[in-house]
Amino acid sequence: MELIKPFSYLFATEVLKENLNELKKHDVHVSGNGQPIKNYKKQMDVLNLYPKAKKVLKSYIDSFINECFEYNCEFDITTSWMTKLGVNESVHYHNHRNSFFSGVFYFDEYTDKTCPLIFKNPIYNTIPFQIGKYKSNLMCSDIAVKPEHNLLLLFPSWIYHYSNPNKEKVRRSLAFNIMPKGMFGDGDSTIELLY
């Protein structure tokens, strides 16, 4: 039987060709456990310190937006921060409110011990019946994305995600949020974002 998948959540991955090793020298990190931000500008605006990396990432974001949507507005990276997990540390269960799409760029080196980022499938909670154990399937299963050197991952910001405890010595990555810029929307749902 042919399966059709009418209501998809769009995720995108690509291994970048560009060398963005400049990000490895950044030494201010946010932990994965959702601690309060102490110095917002220094911790949440990382890509403005690395204009080359920001330009490269933005070009991939623009390609993704243009290929998948027909939005007539520009998008920009609004916040960006470095994460660092040690052994047995994990990313807390969360999503990114006040954002359209979010991304992770895995700029470091990783092994089989490095914990993947797991996305909770939002469809599962909308199914009205519990019939017993279910077979893992595209409609109900969560997905896990394994870190890989130079892997860029884009995902809808409202999808909850987390990780299991990391078994690698260190797991570093760059995370960021994306929002439309300028005037967008229609009628009484029009908004102008200036930043």
N, C-alpha and C. Protein backbone atom coordinates (compact mmCIF):
# COMPACT_ATOMS: atom_id res chain seq x y z
N MET A 1 0.84 -1.18 0.00
CA MET A 1 0.00 0.00 0.00
C MET A 1 0.89 1.25 0.00
N GLU A 2 0.54 2.23 -0.78
CA GLU A 2 1.31 3.47 -0.81
C GLU A 2 0.94 4.34 0.38
N LEU A 3 1.95 4.83 1.09
CA LEU A 3 1.70 5.72 2.22
C LEU A 3 1.80 7.16 1.73
N ILE A 4 0.87 7.98 2.19
CA ILE A 4 0.98 9.42 1.93
C ILE A 4 1.18 10.10 3.28
N LYS A 5 1.92 11.17 3.29
CA LYS A 5 2.24 11.88 4.54
C LYS A 5 1.80 13.33 4.37
N PRO A 6 0.52 13.62 4.61
CA PRO A 6 0.00 14.94 4.24
C PRO A 6 0.40 16.09 5.16
N PHE A 7 0.66 15.86 6.42
CA PHE A 7 0.88 16.97 7.35
C PHE A 7 2.26 16.86 7.97
N SER A 8 3.25 17.34 7.27
CA SER A 8 4.64 17.18 7.70
C SER A 8 5.14 18.38 8.47
N TYR A 9 6.01 18.12 9.42
CA TYR A 9 6.82 19.16 10.04
C TYR A 9 8.14 19.16 9.29
N LEU A 10 8.55 20.32 8.83
CA LEU A 10 9.78 20.40 8.04
C LEU A 10 11.01 20.56 8.92
N PHE A 11 11.95 19.67 8.75
CA PHE A 11 13.28 19.76 9.34
C PHE A 11 14.24 19.76 8.15
N ALA A 12 15.42 20.30 8.35
CA ALA A 12 16.42 20.27 7.28
C ALA A 12 17.79 20.00 7.89
N THR A 13 18.59 19.21 7.19
CA THR A 13 19.97 18.99 7.60
C THR A 13 20.87 19.12 6.38
N GLU A 14 22.07 19.59 6.63
CA GLU A 14 23.08 19.64 5.57
C GLU A 14 24.45 19.69 6.22
N VAL A 15 25.39 18.94 5.66
CA VAL A 15 26.77 19.01 6.09
C VAL A 15 27.44 20.12 5.28
N LEU A 16 27.88 21.15 5.96
CA LEU A 16 28.45 22.31 5.29
C LEU A 16 29.87 22.03 4.79
N LYS A 17 30.18 22.61 3.64
CA LYS A 17 31.51 22.48 3.05
C LYS A 17 32.48 23.52 3.62
N GLU A 18 31.92 24.64 4.05
CA GLU A 18 32.74 25.75 4.52
C GLU A 18 33.44 25.41 5.84
N ASN A 19 34.60 26.00 6.02
CA ASN A 19 35.37 25.82 7.26
C ASN A 19 34.96 26.92 8.25
N LEU A 20 34.27 26.52 9.31
CA LEU A 20 33.85 27.48 10.34
C LEU A 20 34.53 27.15 11.67
N ASN A 21 35.77 26.71 11.59
CA ASN A 21 36.53 26.35 12.80
C ASN A 21 36.76 27.52 13.74
N GLU A 22 36.54 28.74 13.27
CA GLU A 22 36.69 29.91 14.14
C GLU A 22 35.76 29.79 15.36
N LEU A 23 34.67 29.07 15.22
CA LEU A 23 33.73 28.91 16.33
C LEU A 23 34.32 28.09 17.48
N LYS A 24 35.32 27.26 17.19
CA LYS A 24 35.92 26.42 18.22
C LYS A 24 36.64 27.22 19.29
N LYS A 25 37.04 28.46 18.97
CA LYS A 25 37.79 29.25 19.95
C LYS A 25 36.88 29.95 20.96
N HIS A 26 35.58 29.93 20.73
CA HIS A 26 34.65 30.61 21.64
C HIS A 26 34.59 29.86 22.97
N ASP A 27 34.74 30.59 24.07
CA ASP A 27 34.84 29.93 25.37
C ASP A 27 33.73 30.28 26.36
N VAL A 28 32.70 30.96 25.93
CA VAL A 28 31.56 31.25 26.79
C VAL A 28 30.40 30.37 26.35
N HIS A 29 29.96 29.47 27.24
CA HIS A 29 28.95 28.48 26.89
C HIS A 29 27.75 28.55 27.83
N VAL A 30 26.61 28.14 27.31
CA VAL A 30 25.40 27.97 28.11
C VAL A 30 25.26 26.47 28.35
N SER A 31 24.93 26.09 29.57
CA SER A 31 24.76 24.65 29.84
C SER A 31 23.44 24.17 29.26
N GLY A 32 23.26 22.88 29.23
CA GLY A 32 22.04 22.31 28.65
C GLY A 32 20.89 22.20 29.62
N ASN A 33 21.07 22.67 30.86
CA ASN A 33 20.02 22.46 31.85
C ASN A 33 19.10 23.65 32.07
N GLY A 34 19.13 24.62 31.20
CA GLY A 34 18.18 25.72 31.27
C GLY A 34 18.45 26.72 32.37
N GLN A 35 19.70 26.91 32.77
CA GLN A 35 20.04 27.90 33.78
C GLN A 35 19.75 29.30 33.27
N PRO A 36 19.48 30.24 34.19
CA PRO A 36 19.26 31.63 33.76
C PRO A 36 20.50 32.20 33.07
N ILE A 37 20.27 33.08 32.14
CA ILE A 37 21.35 33.74 31.41
C ILE A 37 21.86 34.90 32.26
N LYS A 38 23.17 34.93 32.52
CA LYS A 38 23.75 35.97 33.38
C LYS A 38 24.12 37.21 32.59
N ASN A 39 24.70 37.02 31.42
CA ASN A 39 25.13 38.14 30.60
C ASN A 39 24.55 37.93 29.20
N TYR A 40 23.34 38.43 28.99
CA TYR A 40 22.57 38.14 27.77
C TYR A 40 23.36 38.45 26.51
N LYS A 41 23.92 39.64 26.43
CA LYS A 41 24.60 40.07 25.20
C LYS A 41 25.80 39.17 24.88
N LYS A 42 26.57 38.83 25.89
CA LYS A 42 27.77 38.02 25.68
C LYS A 42 27.42 36.56 25.40
N GLN A 43 26.35 36.05 26.00
CA GLN A 43 26.01 34.64 25.86
C GLN A 43 25.03 34.35 24.72
N MET A 44 24.17 35.30 24.38
CA MET A 44 23.08 35.02 23.43
C MET A 44 23.22 35.74 22.09
N ASP A 45 24.37 36.34 21.85
CA ASP A 45 24.61 37.07 20.61
C ASP A 45 25.94 36.66 19.99
N VAL A 46 26.25 35.38 20.08
CA VAL A 46 27.56 34.85 19.71
C VAL A 46 27.90 35.10 18.25
N LEU A 47 26.95 34.91 17.34
CA LEU A 47 27.28 35.01 15.91
C LEU A 47 27.69 36.41 15.47
N ASN A 48 27.32 37.42 16.22
CA ASN A 48 27.79 38.77 15.86
C ASN A 48 29.29 38.92 16.11
N LEU A 49 29.88 38.00 16.87
CA LEU A 49 31.34 37.98 17.07
C LEU A 49 32.05 37.26 15.92
N TYR A 50 31.29 36.51 15.13
CA TYR A 50 31.86 35.71 14.04
C TYR A 50 31.09 35.98 12.75
N PRO A 51 31.34 37.15 12.13
CA PRO A 51 30.56 37.54 10.95
C PRO A 51 30.65 36.57 9.78
N LYS A 52 31.81 35.92 9.60
CA LYS A 52 31.94 34.96 8.50
C LYS A 52 30.98 33.78 8.73
N ALA A 53 31.01 33.23 9.93
CA ALA A 53 30.13 32.09 10.25
C ALA A 53 28.67 32.50 10.11
N LYS A 54 28.33 33.70 10.58
CA LYS A 54 26.94 34.16 10.49
C LYS A 54 26.51 34.27 9.03
N LYS A 55 27.37 34.81 8.19
CA LYS A 55 27.04 34.96 6.77
C LYS A 55 26.82 33.60 6.10
N VAL A 56 27.69 32.64 6.40
CA VAL A 56 27.57 31.30 5.81
C VAL A 56 26.27 30.64 6.28
N LEU A 57 26.02 30.65 7.58
CA LEU A 57 24.80 30.02 8.12
C LEU A 57 23.55 30.70 7.56
N LYS A 58 23.59 32.02 7.48
CA LYS A 58 22.43 32.76 6.95
C LYS A 58 22.15 32.37 5.50
N SER A 59 23.18 32.11 4.71
CA SER A 59 22.95 31.72 3.31
C SER A 59 22.22 30.37 3.23
N TYR A 60 22.55 29.44 4.12
CA TYR A 60 21.85 28.16 4.14
C TYR A 60 20.42 28.32 4.65
N ILE A 61 20.23 29.18 5.63
CA ILE A 61 18.89 29.46 6.14
C ILE A 61 18.03 30.06 5.03
N ASP A 62 18.57 31.04 4.32
CA ASP A 62 17.83 31.69 3.23
C ASP A 62 17.45 30.67 2.16
N SER A 63 18.37 29.77 1.82
CA SER A 63 18.07 28.74 0.81
C SER A 63 16.93 27.84 1.29
N PHE A 64 16.97 27.44 2.55
CA PHE A 64 15.91 26.60 3.11
C PHE A 64 14.56 27.31 3.08
N ILE A 65 14.52 28.56 3.55
CA ILE A 65 13.27 29.33 3.58
C ILE A 65 12.72 29.51 2.16
N ASN A 66 13.58 29.87 1.22
CA ASN A 66 13.14 30.10 -0.16
C ASN A 66 12.67 28.82 -0.84
N GLU A 67 13.30 27.71 -0.52
CA GLU A 67 12.94 26.44 -1.14
C GLU A 67 11.63 25.88 -0.59
N CYS A 68 11.38 26.09 0.68
CA CYS A 68 10.24 25.43 1.34
C CYS A 68 9.01 26.31 1.52
N PHE A 69 9.18 27.61 1.53
CA PHE A 69 8.06 28.52 1.80
C PHE A 69 8.01 29.60 0.74
N GLU A 70 6.91 30.30 0.69
CA GLU A 70 6.76 31.41 -0.26
C GLU A 70 6.61 32.72 0.48
N TYR A 71 7.39 32.89 1.54
CA TYR A 71 7.28 34.11 2.34
C TYR A 71 7.96 35.26 1.62
N ASN A 72 7.31 36.40 1.66
CA ASN A 72 7.84 37.58 0.99
C ASN A 72 8.44 38.52 2.03
N CYS A 73 9.38 38.01 2.80
CA CYS A 73 10.07 38.84 3.78
C CYS A 73 11.43 38.23 4.05
N GLU A 74 12.29 39.01 4.68
CA GLU A 74 13.64 38.55 5.00
C GLU A 74 13.63 37.90 6.38
N PHE A 75 14.49 36.93 6.57
CA PHE A 75 14.65 36.28 7.87
C PHE A 75 16.04 36.59 8.40
N ASP A 76 16.16 36.61 9.73
CA ASP A 76 17.45 36.88 10.33
C ASP A 76 17.65 36.01 11.57
N ILE A 77 18.90 35.84 11.95
CA ILE A 77 19.22 35.13 13.18
C ILE A 77 19.09 36.12 14.32
N THR A 78 18.18 35.86 15.25
CA THR A 78 17.89 36.81 16.33
C THR A 78 18.73 36.56 17.58
N THR A 79 18.94 35.32 17.93
CA THR A 79 19.78 34.96 19.07
C THR A 79 20.66 33.79 18.68
N SER A 80 21.83 33.72 19.28
CA SER A 80 22.75 32.61 19.02
C SER A 80 23.61 32.41 20.26
N TRP A 81 23.84 31.14 20.59
CA TRP A 81 24.59 30.84 21.81
C TRP A 81 25.32 29.50 21.65
N MET A 82 26.37 29.34 22.42
CA MET A 82 27.15 28.11 22.43
C MET A 82 26.68 27.22 23.57
N THR A 83 26.56 25.94 23.28
CA THR A 83 26.23 24.98 24.33
C THR A 83 27.41 24.04 24.54
N LYS A 84 27.54 23.56 25.75
CA LYS A 84 28.63 22.63 26.08
C LYS A 84 28.11 21.65 27.13
N LEU A 85 28.21 20.36 26.80
CA LEU A 85 27.84 19.30 27.74
C LEU A 85 29.07 18.48 28.07
N GLY A 86 29.23 18.18 29.36
CA GLY A 86 30.28 17.26 29.79
C GLY A 86 29.69 15.86 29.92
N VAL A 87 30.45 14.96 30.50
CA VAL A 87 30.00 13.58 30.71
C VAL A 87 28.81 13.59 31.66
N ASN A 88 27.76 12.87 31.28
CA ASN A 88 26.51 12.71 32.04
C ASN A 88 25.67 13.97 32.14
N GLU A 89 26.03 15.02 31.42
CA GLU A 89 25.17 16.21 31.34
C GLU A 89 24.23 16.03 30.15
N SER A 90 23.09 16.71 30.20
CA SER A 90 22.11 16.55 29.14
C SER A 90 21.43 17.88 28.83
N VAL A 91 20.75 17.92 27.70
CA VAL A 91 19.94 19.08 27.31
C VAL A 91 18.56 18.89 27.91
N HIS A 92 18.08 19.88 28.67
CA HIS A 92 16.76 19.77 29.29
C HIS A 92 15.65 19.78 28.23
N TYR A 93 14.49 19.28 28.59
CA TYR A 93 13.32 19.22 27.71
C TYR A 93 12.77 20.63 27.54
N HIS A 94 12.76 21.14 26.32
CA HIS A 94 12.33 22.52 26.10
C HIS A 94 12.00 22.76 24.63
N ASN A 95 11.42 23.91 24.36
CA ASN A 95 11.29 24.40 23.00
C ASN A 95 11.71 25.86 22.99
N HIS A 96 11.61 26.52 21.83
CA HIS A 96 12.06 27.90 21.71
C HIS A 96 10.86 28.78 21.34
N ARG A 97 10.30 29.42 22.33
CA ARG A 97 9.17 30.33 22.07
C ARG A 97 9.69 31.63 21.47
N ASN A 98 8.80 32.38 20.87
CA ASN A 98 9.14 33.66 20.24
C ASN A 98 10.14 33.51 19.10
N SER A 99 10.10 32.36 18.44
CA SER A 99 10.94 32.13 17.28
C SER A 99 10.15 31.36 16.23
N PHE A 100 10.57 31.48 14.99
CA PHE A 100 9.91 30.81 13.88
C PHE A 100 10.57 29.45 13.61
N PHE A 101 11.86 29.48 13.39
CA PHE A 101 12.65 28.27 13.25
C PHE A 101 13.87 28.40 14.16
N SER A 102 14.45 27.26 14.51
CA SER A 102 15.67 27.24 15.30
C SER A 102 16.67 26.35 14.59
N GLY A 103 17.92 26.46 15.01
CA GLY A 103 18.96 25.66 14.38
C GLY A 103 20.06 25.30 15.34
N VAL A 104 20.77 24.25 14.97
CA VAL A 104 21.98 23.83 15.67
C VAL A 104 23.05 23.60 14.61
N PHE A 105 24.24 24.09 14.90
CA PHE A 105 25.37 23.81 14.03
C PHE A 105 26.42 23.06 14.85
N TYR A 106 26.73 21.85 14.41
CA TYR A 106 27.70 21.00 15.10
C TYR A 106 29.08 21.22 14.49
N PHE A 107 29.83 22.16 15.05
CA PHE A 107 31.11 22.58 14.47
C PHE A 107 32.30 21.78 15.00
N ASP A 108 32.09 20.97 16.03
CA ASP A 108 33.18 20.28 16.71
C ASP A 108 33.35 18.87 16.15
N GLU A 109 34.14 18.06 16.85
CA GLU A 109 34.33 16.65 16.49
C GLU A 109 33.49 15.82 17.45
N TYR A 110 32.90 14.72 16.97
CA TYR A 110 31.97 13.91 17.77
C TYR A 110 32.26 12.43 17.55
N THR A 111 31.83 11.62 18.51
CA THR A 111 32.02 10.17 18.42
C THR A 111 30.68 9.48 18.68
N ASP A 112 30.70 8.17 18.72
CA ASP A 112 29.48 7.41 19.03
C ASP A 112 29.00 7.63 20.46
N LYS A 113 29.87 8.17 21.31
CA LYS A 113 29.49 8.45 22.70
C LYS A 113 28.75 9.77 22.85
N THR A 114 28.78 10.60 21.79
CA THR A 114 28.15 11.91 21.85
C THR A 114 26.63 11.75 21.77
N CYS A 115 25.92 12.37 22.71
CA CYS A 115 24.46 12.21 22.75
C CYS A 115 23.79 12.94 21.59
N PRO A 116 22.77 12.30 20.99
CA PRO A 116 22.00 12.96 19.93
C PRO A 116 20.99 13.94 20.52
N LEU A 117 20.50 14.83 19.69
CA LEU A 117 19.40 15.71 20.07
C LEU A 117 18.11 14.99 19.68
N ILE A 118 17.20 14.84 20.64
CA ILE A 118 15.96 14.09 20.42
C ILE A 118 14.79 15.06 20.34
N PHE A 119 13.95 14.87 19.32
CA PHE A 119 12.76 15.71 19.11
C PHE A 119 11.52 14.90 19.44
N LYS A 120 10.69 15.45 20.34
CA LYS A 120 9.45 14.80 20.74
C LYS A 120 8.40 15.01 19.66
N ASN A 121 7.84 13.92 19.17
CA ASN A 121 6.83 13.99 18.11
C ASN A 121 5.54 14.60 18.67
N PRO A 122 5.11 15.77 18.17
CA PRO A 122 3.91 16.41 18.71
C PRO A 122 2.61 15.71 18.30
N ILE A 123 2.67 14.86 17.29
CA ILE A 123 1.45 14.18 16.82
C ILE A 123 0.97 13.15 17.84
N TYR A 124 1.91 12.50 18.51
CA TYR A 124 1.55 11.43 19.43
C TYR A 124 0.50 11.88 20.45
N ASN A 125 0.65 13.08 21.00
CA ASN A 125 -0.29 13.56 22.03
C ASN A 125 -1.66 13.94 21.48
N THR A 126 -1.82 13.98 20.17
CA THR A 126 -3.12 14.31 19.58
C THR A 126 -3.93 13.06 19.22
N ILE A 127 -3.33 11.88 19.34
CA ILE A 127 -4.04 10.64 18.99
C ILE A 127 -5.01 10.31 20.11
N PRO A 128 -6.30 10.16 19.80
CA PRO A 128 -7.31 10.04 20.86
C PRO A 128 -7.42 8.66 21.50
N PHE A 129 -6.73 7.65 20.99
CA PHE A 129 -6.86 6.30 21.53
C PHE A 129 -5.52 5.76 22.01
N GLN A 130 -5.58 4.96 23.07
CA GLN A 130 -4.43 4.19 23.54
C GLN A 130 -4.84 2.73 23.42
N ILE A 131 -4.29 2.05 22.42
CA ILE A 131 -4.74 0.68 22.13
C ILE A 131 -3.73 -0.34 22.64
N GLY A 132 -2.70 0.09 23.28
CA GLY A 132 -1.66 -0.83 23.73
C GLY A 132 -0.34 -0.41 23.13
N LYS A 133 0.62 -1.30 23.16
CA LYS A 133 1.93 -0.98 22.62
C LYS A 133 1.81 -0.70 21.12
N TYR A 134 2.51 0.29 20.66
CA TYR A 134 2.44 0.60 19.24
C TYR A 134 3.78 0.33 18.58
N LYS A 135 3.70 -0.04 17.35
CA LYS A 135 4.90 -0.24 16.54
C LYS A 135 5.51 1.12 16.24
N SER A 136 6.80 1.21 16.34
CA SER A 136 7.47 2.46 16.00
C SER A 136 7.13 2.81 14.55
N ASN A 137 6.64 4.02 14.33
CA ASN A 137 6.26 4.43 12.98
C ASN A 137 6.46 5.92 12.80
N LEU A 138 6.39 6.38 11.57
CA LEU A 138 6.64 7.78 11.26
C LEU A 138 5.65 8.72 11.93
N MET A 139 4.43 8.25 12.16
CA MET A 139 3.43 9.13 12.73
C MET A 139 3.63 9.36 14.22
N CYS A 140 4.14 8.37 14.95
CA CYS A 140 4.20 8.45 16.41
C CYS A 140 5.61 8.58 16.98
N SER A 141 6.62 8.19 16.24
CA SER A 141 7.96 8.10 16.81
C SER A 141 8.64 9.45 16.95
N ASP A 142 9.45 9.55 18.00
CA ASP A 142 10.35 10.69 18.14
C ASP A 142 11.50 10.48 17.16
N ILE A 143 12.27 11.53 16.92
CA ILE A 143 13.45 11.38 16.08
C ILE A 143 14.68 11.86 16.85
N ALA A 144 15.81 11.27 16.55
CA ALA A 144 17.07 11.66 17.17
C ALA A 144 18.05 12.02 16.07
N VAL A 145 18.72 13.16 16.23
CA VAL A 145 19.71 13.61 15.26
C VAL A 145 21.07 13.53 15.92
N LYS A 146 21.93 12.70 15.36
CA LYS A 146 23.27 12.46 15.89
C LYS A 146 24.20 13.57 15.43
N PRO A 147 24.94 14.19 16.35
CA PRO A 147 25.90 15.21 15.93
C PRO A 147 26.96 14.66 14.98
N GLU A 148 27.31 15.48 14.02
CA GLU A 148 28.32 15.13 13.02
C GLU A 148 29.06 16.42 12.68
N HIS A 149 30.36 16.36 12.45
CA HIS A 149 31.14 17.56 12.17
C HIS A 149 30.56 18.32 10.97
N ASN A 150 30.30 19.60 11.19
CA ASN A 150 29.78 20.54 10.18
C ASN A 150 28.32 20.29 9.80
N LEU A 151 27.58 19.57 10.63
CA LEU A 151 26.16 19.35 10.35
C LEU A 151 25.33 20.53 10.82
N LEU A 152 24.53 21.06 9.91
CA LEU A 152 23.57 22.12 10.22
C LEU A 152 22.19 21.48 10.28
N LEU A 153 21.45 21.77 11.34
CA LEU A 153 20.10 21.25 11.55
C LEU A 153 19.15 22.41 11.77
N LEU A 154 18.07 22.47 11.00
CA LEU A 154 17.03 23.48 11.15
C LEU A 154 15.73 22.78 11.49
N PHE A 155 14.95 23.36 12.43
CA PHE A 155 13.71 22.72 12.87
C PHE A 155 12.72 23.77 13.38
N PRO A 156 11.41 23.44 13.37
CA PRO A 156 10.42 24.38 13.90
C PRO A 156 10.67 24.62 15.39
N SER A 157 10.71 25.87 15.78
CA SER A 157 11.08 26.24 17.15
C SER A 157 10.17 25.67 18.22
N TRP A 158 8.92 25.41 17.88
CA TRP A 158 7.95 24.97 18.89
C TRP A 158 8.02 23.46 19.18
N ILE A 159 8.82 22.73 18.43
CA ILE A 159 8.98 21.29 18.68
C ILE A 159 9.87 21.09 19.91
N TYR A 160 9.35 20.36 20.90
CA TYR A 160 10.13 20.10 22.10
C TYR A 160 11.29 19.16 21.79
N HIS A 161 12.43 19.42 22.44
CA HIS A 161 13.62 18.60 22.21
C HIS A 161 14.45 18.52 23.49
N TYR A 162 15.33 17.53 23.53
CA TYR A 162 16.14 17.25 24.71
C TYR A 162 17.24 16.27 24.32
N SER A 163 18.06 15.90 25.26
CA SER A 163 19.02 14.82 25.02
C SER A 163 19.07 13.92 26.24
N ASN A 164 19.53 12.71 26.03
CA ASN A 164 19.87 11.82 27.13
C ASN A 164 21.26 12.22 27.62
N PRO A 165 21.71 11.69 28.75
CA PRO A 165 23.04 12.07 29.25
C PRO A 165 24.15 11.79 28.23
N ASN A 166 25.02 12.77 28.09
CA ASN A 166 26.14 12.67 27.17
C ASN A 166 27.20 11.72 27.74
N LYS A 167 27.76 10.88 26.91
CA LYS A 167 28.81 9.95 27.35
C LYS A 167 30.19 10.37 26.83
N GLU A 168 30.22 11.39 26.00
CA GLU A 168 31.48 11.91 25.47
C GLU A 168 32.07 12.90 26.47
N LYS A 169 33.38 13.10 26.39
CA LYS A 169 34.06 14.03 27.29
C LYS A 169 33.46 15.43 27.20
N VAL A 170 33.22 15.88 25.98
CA VAL A 170 32.61 17.20 25.78
C VAL A 170 31.81 17.19 24.48
N ARG A 171 30.67 17.86 24.50
CA ARG A 171 29.82 18.00 23.31
C ARG A 171 29.50 19.48 23.17
N ARG A 172 30.07 20.12 22.16
CA ARG A 172 29.83 21.55 21.95
C ARG A 172 29.07 21.76 20.64
N SER A 173 28.25 22.79 20.65
CA SER A 173 27.51 23.14 19.43
C SER A 173 27.08 24.61 19.52
N LEU A 174 26.67 25.12 18.39
CA LEU A 174 26.12 26.47 18.29
C LEU A 174 24.62 26.33 18.07
N ALA A 175 23.83 27.03 18.86
CA ALA A 175 22.37 27.03 18.69
C ALA A 175 21.93 28.44 18.33
N PHE A 176 20.81 28.54 17.59
CA PHE A 176 20.33 29.87 17.21
C PHE A 176 18.84 29.82 16.88
N ASN A 177 18.24 31.01 16.89
CA ASN A 177 16.83 31.17 16.53
C ASN A 177 16.71 32.10 15.34
N ILE A 178 15.63 31.91 14.57
CA ILE A 178 15.40 32.65 13.33
C ILE A 178 14.00 33.28 13.39
N MET A 179 13.90 34.53 12.97
CA MET A 179 12.61 35.22 12.89
C MET A 179 12.53 36.04 11.61
N PRO A 180 11.30 36.29 11.14
CA PRO A 180 11.15 37.23 10.02
C PRO A 180 11.59 38.62 10.45
N LYS A 181 11.96 39.40 9.48
CA LYS A 181 12.45 40.76 9.74
C LYS A 181 11.59 41.75 8.97
N GLY A 182 11.32 42.90 9.56
CA GLY A 182 10.55 43.93 8.89
C GLY A 182 9.06 43.68 8.97
N MET A 183 8.32 44.10 7.95
CA MET A 183 6.86 43.99 7.93
C MET A 183 6.45 42.66 7.32
N PHE A 184 5.56 41.93 8.02
CA PHE A 184 5.02 40.70 7.46
C PHE A 184 3.64 40.43 8.05
N GLY A 185 2.95 39.50 7.44
CA GLY A 185 1.58 39.20 7.87
C GLY A 185 0.58 39.76 6.89
N ASP A 186 -0.68 39.79 7.33
CA ASP A 186 -1.75 40.23 6.45
C ASP A 186 -2.88 40.82 7.29
N GLY A 187 -3.45 41.93 6.82
CA GLY A 187 -4.60 42.53 7.48
C GLY A 187 -4.33 42.87 8.93
N ASP A 188 -5.25 42.44 9.82
CA ASP A 188 -5.08 42.76 11.24
C ASP A 188 -4.05 41.86 11.93
N SER A 189 -3.42 40.98 11.16
CA SER A 189 -2.35 40.13 11.69
C SER A 189 -0.98 40.56 11.17
N THR A 190 -0.88 41.82 10.75
CA THR A 190 0.39 42.37 10.27
C THR A 190 1.21 42.83 11.47
N ILE A 191 2.51 42.61 11.36
CA ILE A 191 3.44 43.04 12.41
C ILE A 191 4.72 43.51 11.75
N GLU A 192 5.40 44.44 12.40
CA GLU A 192 6.70 44.88 11.91
C GLU A 192 7.72 44.67 13.03
N LEU A 193 8.73 43.85 12.74
CA LEU A 193 9.79 43.59 13.71
C LEU A 193 11.04 44.35 13.29
N LEU A 194 11.50 45.18 14.17
CA LEU A 194 12.72 45.97 13.92
C LEU A 194 13.80 45.51 14.86
N TYR A 195 14.90 45.04 14.31
CA TYR A 195 16.06 44.67 15.14
C TYR A 195 17.30 44.73 14.30
